[in-house]
PDB file of N, CA and C in Angstrom:
ATOM      1  N   UNK A   1       1.859  14.366   0.419  1.00  0.00           N
ATOM      2  CA  UNK A   1       2.260  13.257  -0.746  1.00  0.00           C
ATOM      3  C   UNK A   1       1.210  12.129  -0.920  1.00  0.00           C
ATOM      4  N   UNK A   2       1.044  11.601  -2.068  1.00  0.00           N
ATOM      5  CA  UNK A   2       0.113  10.747  -2.313  1.00  0.00           C
ATOM      6  C   UNK A   2       0.841   9.201  -2.687  1.00  0.00           C
ATOM      7  N   UNK A   3       0.842   8.296  -1.868  1.00  0.00           N
ATOM      8  CA  UNK A   3       1.485   7.298  -2.267  1.00  0.00           C
ATOM      9  C   UNK A   3       0.702   6.070  -2.712  1.00  0.00           C
ATOM     10  N   UNK A   4       1.078   5.330  -3.810  1.00  0.00           N
ATOM     11  CA  UNK A   4       0.274   4.117  -4.454  1.00  0.00           C
ATOM     12  C   UNK A   4       0.391   3.155  -3.181  1.00  0.00           C
ATOM     13  N   UNK A   5      -0.816   2.667  -3.043  1.00  0.00           N
ATOM     14  CA  UNK A   5      -1.069   1.447  -2.146  1.00  0.00           C
ATOM     15  C   UNK A   5      -1.725   0.284  -2.988  1.00  0.00           C
ATOM     16  N   UNK A   6      -1.162  -0.732  -2.500  1.00  0.00           N
ATOM     17  CA  UNK A   6      -1.649  -2.013  -3.642  1.00  0.00           C
ATOM     18  C   UNK A   6      -2.073  -2.865  -2.494  1.00  0.00           C
ATOM     19  N   UNK A   7      -3.394  -3.214  -2.752  1.00  0.00           N
ATOM     20  CA  UNK A   7      -4.612  -3.971  -1.682  1.00  0.00           C
ATOM     21  C   UNK A   7      -4.522  -5.531  -2.583  1.00  0.00           C
ATOM     22  N   UNK A   8      -4.438  -6.496  -1.822  1.00  0.00           N
ATOM     23  CA  UNK A   8      -4.504  -8.000  -2.245  1.00  0.00           C
ATOM     24  C   UNK A   8      -5.544  -8.749  -1.481  1.00  0.00           C
ATOM     25  N   UNK A   9      -6.340  -9.454  -2.108  1.00  0.00           N
ATOM     26  CA  UNK A   9      -7.282 -10.189  -1.302  1.00  0.00           C
ATOM     27  C   UNK A   9      -6.792 -11.361  -0.975  1.00  0.00           C
ATOM     28  N   UNK A  10      -6.662 -11.995   0.175  1.00  0.00           N
ATOM     29  CA  UNK A  10      -6.076 -13.249   0.674  1.00  0.00           C
ATOM     30  C   UNK A  10      -7.198 -14.093   0.600  1.00  0.00           C
ATOM     31  N   UNK A  11      -6.977 -15.440   1.293  1.00  0.00           N
ATOM     32  CA  UNK A  11      -7.927 -16.451   1.271  1.00  0.00           C
ATOM     33  C   UNK A  11      -8.983 -16.030   2.741  1.00  0.00           C
ATOM     34  N   UNK A  12      -8.482 -15.354   3.873  1.00  0.00           N
ATOM     35  CA  UNK A  12      -9.046 -15.053   4.913  1.00  0.00           C
ATOM     36  C   UNK A  12      -9.095 -13.452   5.286  1.00  0.00           C
ATOM     37  N   UNK A  13      -8.031 -12.642   4.486  1.00  0.00           N
ATOM     38  CA  UNK A  13      -7.914 -11.319   4.998  1.00  0.00           C
ATOM     39  C   UNK A  13      -7.770 -10.303   3.664  1.00  0.00           C
ATOM     40  N   UNK A  14      -7.130  -9.215   3.873  1.00  0.00           N
ATOM     41  CA  UNK A  14      -6.893  -8.330   2.863  1.00  0.00           C
ATOM     42  C   UNK A  14      -5.459  -7.981   3.223  1.00  0.00           C
ATOM     43  N   UNK A  15      -4.541  -7.941   2.169  1.00  0.00           N
ATOM     44  CA  UNK A  15      -3.057  -7.540   2.676  1.00  0.00           C
ATOM     45  C   UNK A  15      -2.867  -6.087   1.786  1.00  0.00           C
ATOM     46  N   UNK A  16      -2.034  -5.265   2.226  1.00  0.00           N
ATOM     47  CA  UNK A  16      -1.682  -3.889   1.656  1.00  0.00           C
ATOM     48  C   UNK A  16       0.010  -3.503   1.701  1.00  0.00           C
ATOM     49  N   UNK A  17       0.283  -3.044   0.557  1.00  0.00           N
ATOM     50  CA  UNK A  17       1.857  -2.532   0.645  1.00  0.00           C
ATOM     51  C   UNK A  17       1.947  -1.532  -0.319  1.00  0.00           C
ATOM     52  N   UNK A  18       2.990  -0.711   0.156  1.00  0.00           N
ATOM     53  CA  UNK A  18       3.549   0.224  -0.406  1.00  0.00           C
ATOM     54  C   UNK A  18       4.628   0.157  -1.362  1.00  0.00           C
ATOM     55  N   UNK A  19       4.657   0.236  -2.561  1.00  0.00           N
ATOM     56  CA  UNK A  19       5.739  -0.129  -3.572  1.00  0.00           C
ATOM     57  C   UNK A  19       6.791   1.009  -3.255  1.00  0.00           C
ATOM     58  N   UNK A  20       6.540   2.230  -3.020  1.00  0.00           N
ATOM     59  CA  UNK A  20       7.735   3.179  -2.675  1.00  0.00           C
ATOM     60  C   UNK A  20       8.052   3.224  -1.280  1.00  0.00           C
ATOM     61  N   UNK A  21       7.621   2.428  -0.474  1.00  0.00           N
ATOM     62  CA  UNK A  21       8.058   2.245   0.875  1.00  0.00           C
ATOM     63  C   UNK A  21       8.350   0.876   1.359  1.00  0.00           C
ATOM     64  N   UNK A  22       9.149   0.244   0.939  1.00  0.00           N
ATOM     65  CA  UNK A  22       9.485  -1.161   0.987  1.00  0.00           C
ATOM     66  C   UNK A  22       9.450  -1.551   2.447  1.00  0.00           C
ATOM     67  N   UNK A  23       8.858  -2.857   2.797  1.00  0.00           N
ATOM     68  CA  UNK A  23       8.940  -3.285   3.904  1.00  0.00           C
ATOM     69  C   UNK A  23       7.678  -3.097   4.821  1.00  0.00           C
ATOM     70  N   UNK A  24       6.830  -2.167   4.502  1.00  0.00           N
ATOM     71  CA  UNK A  24       5.670  -1.488   5.280  1.00  0.00           C
ATOM     72  C   UNK A  24       4.533  -2.316   4.646  1.00  0.00           C
ATOM     73  N   UNK A  25       3.604  -3.047   5.352  1.00  0.00           N
ATOM     74  CA  UNK A  25       2.747  -3.914   5.175  1.00  0.00           C
ATOM     75  C   UNK A  25       1.491  -3.725   6.134  1.00  0.00           C
ATOM     76  N   UNK A  26       0.351  -4.025   5.808  1.00  0.00           N
ATOM     77  CA  UNK A  26      -0.597  -4.089   6.648  1.00  0.00           C
ATOM     78  C   UNK A  26      -1.645  -5.158   6.207  1.00  0.00           C
ATOM     79  N   UNK A  27      -2.399  -5.710   7.277  1.00  0.00           N
ATOM     80  CA  UNK A  27      -3.205  -6.806   6.829  1.00  0.00           C
ATOM     81  C   UNK A  27      -4.645  -6.596   8.006  1.00  0.00           C
ATOM     82  N   UNK A  28      -5.857  -6.705   7.139  1.00  0.00           N
ATOM     83  CA  UNK A  28      -7.026  -6.301   7.560  1.00  0.00           C
ATOM     84  C   UNK A  28      -8.122  -7.336   7.243  1.00  0.00           C
ATOM     85  N   UNK A  29      -9.393  -7.271   7.925  1.00  0.00           N
ATOM     86  CA  UNK A  29     -10.366  -8.491   7.760  1.00  0.00           C
ATOM     87  C   UNK A  29     -10.921  -7.768   6.514  1.00  0.00           C
ATOM     88  N   UNK A  30     -11.043  -6.300   6.403  1.00  0.00           N
ATOM     89  CA  UNK A  30     -11.899  -5.861   5.120  1.00  0.00           C
ATOM     90  C   UNK A  30     -11.010  -4.868   4.473  1.00  0.00           C
ATOM     91  N   UNK A  31     -11.430  -4.617   3.184  1.00  0.00           N
ATOM     92  CA  UNK A  31     -10.736  -3.499   2.661  1.00  0.00           C
ATOM     93  C   UNK A  31     -10.710  -2.208   3.387  1.00  0.00           C
ATOM     94  N   UNK A  32     -11.740  -1.735   4.000  1.00  0.00           N
ATOM     95  CA  UNK A  32     -11.813  -0.669   4.899  1.00  0.00           C
ATOM     96  C   UNK A  32     -10.627  -0.791   5.944  1.00  0.00           C
ATOM     97  N   UNK A  33     -10.605  -1.857   6.678  1.00  0.00           N
ATOM     98  CA  UNK A  33      -9.620  -1.877   7.750  1.00  0.00           C
ATOM     99  C   UNK A  33      -8.210  -1.997   7.109  1.00  0.00           C
ATOM    100  N   UNK A  34      -7.864  -2.595   6.059  1.00  0.00           N
ATOM    101  CA  UNK A  34      -6.491  -2.723   5.545  1.00  0.00           C
ATOM    102  C   UNK A  34      -6.332  -1.191   5.265  1.00  0.00           C
ATOM    103  N   UNK A  35      -7.076  -0.288   4.552  1.00  0.00           N
ATOM    104  CA  UNK A  35      -6.856   1.063   4.001  1.00  0.00           C
ATOM    105  C   UNK A  35      -6.498   1.909   5.110  1.00  0.00           C
ATOM    106  N   UNK A  36      -7.195   1.693   6.532  1.00  0.00           N
ATOM    107  CA  UNK A  36      -7.133   2.537   7.631  1.00  0.00           C
ATOM    108  C   UNK A  36      -5.721   1.999   8.131  1.00  0.00           C
ATOM    109  N   UNK A  37      -5.392   0.571   8.167  1.00  0.00           N
ATOM    110  CA  UNK A  37      -4.087   0.326   8.913  1.00  0.00           C
ATOM    111  C   UNK A  37      -2.924   0.774   8.052  1.00  0.00           C
ATOM    112  N   UNK A  38      -2.972   0.758   6.777  1.00  0.00           N
ATOM    113  CA  UNK A  38      -1.878   0.848   5.959  1.00  0.00           C
ATOM    114  C   UNK A  38      -1.561   2.309   5.757  1.00  0.00           C
ATOM    115  N   UNK A  39      -2.436   3.248   5.879  1.00  0.00           N
ATOM    116  CA  UNK A  39      -2.554   4.871   6.409  1.00  0.00           C
ATOM    117  C   UNK A  39      -1.606   5.294   7.509  1.00  0.00           C
ATOM    118  N   UNK A  40      -2.156   4.376   8.555  1.00  0.00           N
ATOM    119  CA  UNK A  40      -1.457   4.682   9.774  1.00  0.00           C
ATOM    120  C   UNK A  40       0.153   4.191   9.742  1.00  0.00           C
ATOM    121  N   UNK A  41       0.359   3.221   9.216  1.00  0.00           N
ATOM    122  CA  UNK A  41       1.768   2.595   9.087  1.00  0.00           C
ATOM    123  C   UNK A  41       2.458   3.721   8.135  1.00  0.00           C
ATOM    124  N   UNK A  42       1.807   4.223   7.104  1.00  0.00           N
ATOM    125  CA  UNK A  42       2.743   5.121   6.180  1.00  0.00           C
ATOM    126  C   UNK A  42       3.060   6.434   7.092  1.00  0.00           C
ATOM    127  N   UNK A  43       2.089   6.668   7.788  1.00  0.00           N
ATOM    128  CA  UNK A  43       2.440   7.814   8.905  1.00  0.00           C
ATOM    129  C   UNK A  43       3.361   7.678   9.646  1.00  0.00           C
ATOM    130  N   UNK A  44       3.443   6.687  10.488  1.00  0.00           N
ATOM    131  CA  UNK A  44       4.283   6.289  11.542  1.00  0.00           C
ATOM    132  C   UNK A  44       5.564   6.277  11.024  1.00  0.00           C
ATOM    133  N   UNK A  45       5.866   5.544   9.682  1.00  0.00           N
ATOM    134  CA  UNK A  45       7.128   5.351   9.099  1.00  0.00           C
ATOM    135  C   UNK A  45       7.557   6.757   8.686  1.00  0.00           C
ATOM    136  N   UNK A  46       6.901   7.626   8.251  1.00  0.00           N
ATOM    137  CA  UNK A  46       7.334   9.088   7.798  1.00  0.00           C
ATOM    138  C   UNK A  46       7.817   9.793   9.021  1.00  0.00           C
ATOM    139  N   UNK A  47       6.768   9.512  10.014  1.00  0.00           N
ATOM    140  CA  UNK A  47       7.264  10.527  11.620  1.00  0.00           C
ATOM    141  C   UNK A  47       8.462  10.049  11.884  1.00  0.00           C
ATOM    142  N   UNK A  48       8.816   8.785  11.922  1.00  0.00           N
ATOM    143  CA  UNK A  48       9.895   8.149  12.357  1.00  0.00           C
ATOM    144  C   UNK A  48      11.168   8.534  11.612  1.00  0.00           C
ATOM    145  N   UNK A  49      11.169   8.481  10.309  1.00  0.00           N
ATOM    146  CA  UNK A  49      12.005   8.888   9.523  1.00  0.00           C
ATOM    147  C   UNK A  49      12.534  10.479   9.587  1.00  0.00           C
ATOM    148  N   UNK A  50      11.249  11.148   9.818  1.00  0.00           N
ATOM    149  CA  UNK A  50      11.401  12.733  10.153  1.00  0.00           C
ATOM    150  C   UNK A  50      12.349  12.910  11.242  1.00  0.00           C
ATOM    151  N   UNK A  51      12.071  12.152  12.194  1.00  0.00           N
ATOM    152  CA  UNK A  51      12.596  12.577  13.773  1.00  0.00           C
ATOM    153  C   UNK A  51      13.974  11.897  13.709  1.00  0.00           C
ATOM    154  N   UNK A  52      14.342  10.970  12.837  1.00  0.00           N
ATOM    155  CA  UNK A  52      15.874  10.551  12.609  1.00  0.00           C
ATOM    156  C   UNK A  52      16.501  11.206  11.761  1.00  0.00           C
ATOM    157  N   UNK A  53      15.962  12.190  11.048  1.00  0.00           N
ATOM    158  CA  UNK A  53      16.681  13.264  10.324  1.00  0.00           C
ATOM    159  C   UNK A  53      16.689  12.367   8.720  1.00  0.00           C
ATOM    160  N   UNK A  54      16.031  11.507   8.451  1.00  0.00           N
ATOM    161  CA  UNK A  54      16.225  10.741   7.031  1.00  0.00           C
ATOM    162  C   UNK A  54      15.214  11.192   6.189  1.00  0.00           C
ATOM    163  N   UNK A  55      15.969  11.213   5.028  1.00  0.00           N
ATOM    164  CA  UNK A  55      14.992  11.927   3.713  1.00  0.00           C
ATOM    165  C   UNK A  55      13.845  10.794   3.395  1.00  0.00           C
ATOM    166  N   UNK A  56      12.887  11.392   3.048  1.00  0.00           N
ATOM    167  CA  UNK A  56      11.581  11.004   3.004  1.00  0.00           C
ATOM    168  C   UNK A  56      11.496  10.603   1.248  1.00  0.00           C
ATOM    169  N   UNK A  57      11.378   9.308   1.340  1.00  0.00           N
ATOM    170  CA  UNK A  57      11.216   8.938  -0.475  1.00  0.00           C
ATOM    171  C   UNK A  57       9.950   9.444  -1.028  1.00  0.00           C
ATOM    172  N   UNK A  58      10.091  10.087  -2.135  1.00  0.00           N
ATOM    173  CA  UNK A  58       9.115  10.734  -2.641  1.00  0.00           C
ATOM    174  C   UNK A  58       8.094   9.564  -3.579  1.00  0.00           C
ATOM    175  N   UNK A  59       6.834   9.837  -3.691  1.00  0.00           N
ATOM    176  CA  UNK A  59       6.172   8.692  -4.575  1.00  0.00           C
ATOM    177  C   UNK A  59       6.395   8.777  -5.748  1.00  0.00           C
ATOM    178  N   UNK A  60       6.703   7.580  -6.476  1.00  0.00           N
ATOM    179  CA  UNK A  60       6.943   7.664  -8.038  1.00  0.00           C
ATOM    180  C   UNK A  60       6.200   6.471  -8.563  1.00  0.00           C
ATOM    181  N   UNK A  61       5.606   5.569  -7.919  1.00  0.00           N
ATOM    182  CA  UNK A  61       4.891   4.480  -8.578  1.00  0.00           C
ATOM    183  C   UNK A  61       3.530   4.914  -8.974  1.00  0.00           C
ATOM    184  N   UNK A  62       3.331   4.269 -10.134  1.00  0.00           N
ATOM    185  CA  UNK A  62       1.908   4.673 -10.543  1.00  0.00           C
ATOM    186  C   UNK A  62       1.156   3.341 -10.749  1.00  0.00           C
ATOM    187  N   UNK A  63      -0.040   3.240 -11.064  1.00  0.00           N
ATOM    188  CA  UNK A  63      -0.985   2.228 -11.376  1.00  0.00           C
ATOM    189  C   UNK A  63      -1.786   2.289 -12.749  1.00  0.00           C
ATOM    190  N   UNK A  64      -1.787   1.094 -13.458  1.00  0.00           N
ATOM    191  CA  UNK A  64      -2.587   1.056 -14.610  1.00  0.00           C
ATOM    192  C   UNK A  64      -3.512  -0.279 -14.923  1.00  0.00           C
ATOM    193  N   UNK A  65      -4.430   0.003 -15.115  1.00  0.00           N
ATOM    194  CA  UNK A  65      -5.178  -1.310 -15.034  1.00  0.00           C
ATOM    195  C   UNK A  65      -5.378  -1.501 -16.646  1.00  0.00           C
ATOM    196  N   UNK A  66      -5.295  -2.799 -16.990  1.00  0.00           N
ATOM    197  CA  UNK A  66      -5.449  -3.354 -18.496  1.00  0.00           C
ATOM    198  C   UNK A  66      -6.696  -4.370 -18.355  1.00  0.00           C
ATOM    199  N   UNK A  67      -7.433  -4.064 -19.386  1.00  0.00           N
ATOM    200  CA  UNK A  67      -8.536  -5.114 -19.602  1.00  0.00           C
ATOM    201  C   UNK A  67      -8.301  -5.861 -20.557  1.00  0.00           C
ATOM    202  N   UNK A  68      -8.570  -7.290 -20.021  1.00  0.00           N
ATOM    203  CA  UNK A  68      -8.406  -8.346 -21.016  1.00  0.00           C
ATOM    204  C   UNK A  68      -9.400  -9.200 -21.128  1.00  0.00           C
ATOM    205  N   UNK A  69      -9.971  -9.094 -22.787  1.00  0.00           N
ATOM    206  CA  UNK A  69     -10.908 -10.076 -22.939  1.00  0.00           C
ATOM    207  C   UNK A  69     -10.731 -11.814 -23.122  1.00  0.00           C
ATOM    208  N   UNK A  70     -11.576 -12.284 -22.441  1.00  0.00           N
ATOM    209  CA  UNK A  70     -11.309 -13.738 -22.627  1.00  0.00           C
ATOM    210  C   UNK A  70     -12.249 -14.679 -23.331  1.00  0.00           C
ATOM    211  N   UNK A  71     -11.789 -15.367 -24.067  1.00  0.00           N
ATOM    212  CA  UNK A  71     -12.703 -16.124 -24.936  1.00  0.00           C
ATOM    213  C   UNK A  71     -13.265 -17.362 -23.809  1.00  0.00           C
ATOM    214  N   UNK A  72     -14.509 -17.743 -24.157  1.00  0.00           N
ATOM    215  CA  UNK A  72     -15.113 -18.771 -23.307  1.00  0.00           C
ATOM    216  C   UNK A  72     -14.797 -20.028 -24.007  1.00  0.00           C
ATOM    217  N   UNK A  73     -14.281 -21.086 -23.222  1.00  0.00           N
ATOM    218  CA  UNK A  73     -13.758 -22.261 -23.851  1.00  0.00           C
ATOM    219  C   UNK A  73     -14.878 -23.435 -23.538  1.00  0.00           C
TER     220      UNK A  73
END
């Protein structure tokens, strides 16, 4: 399964979350760090759900970028 991960740049770090897995986040010093950490968090979360006999929510989120042209003022 492939989950959409949203990465946001903060003042001193990067944060990541998974819209289809509420409550799971990761924070890292670089994009590479946060990508690795959120991947570990997703795997850990899914393994725990499987061990508990819970159903795994299938990914449904998608992303779309919109280009906006701005007039210079």
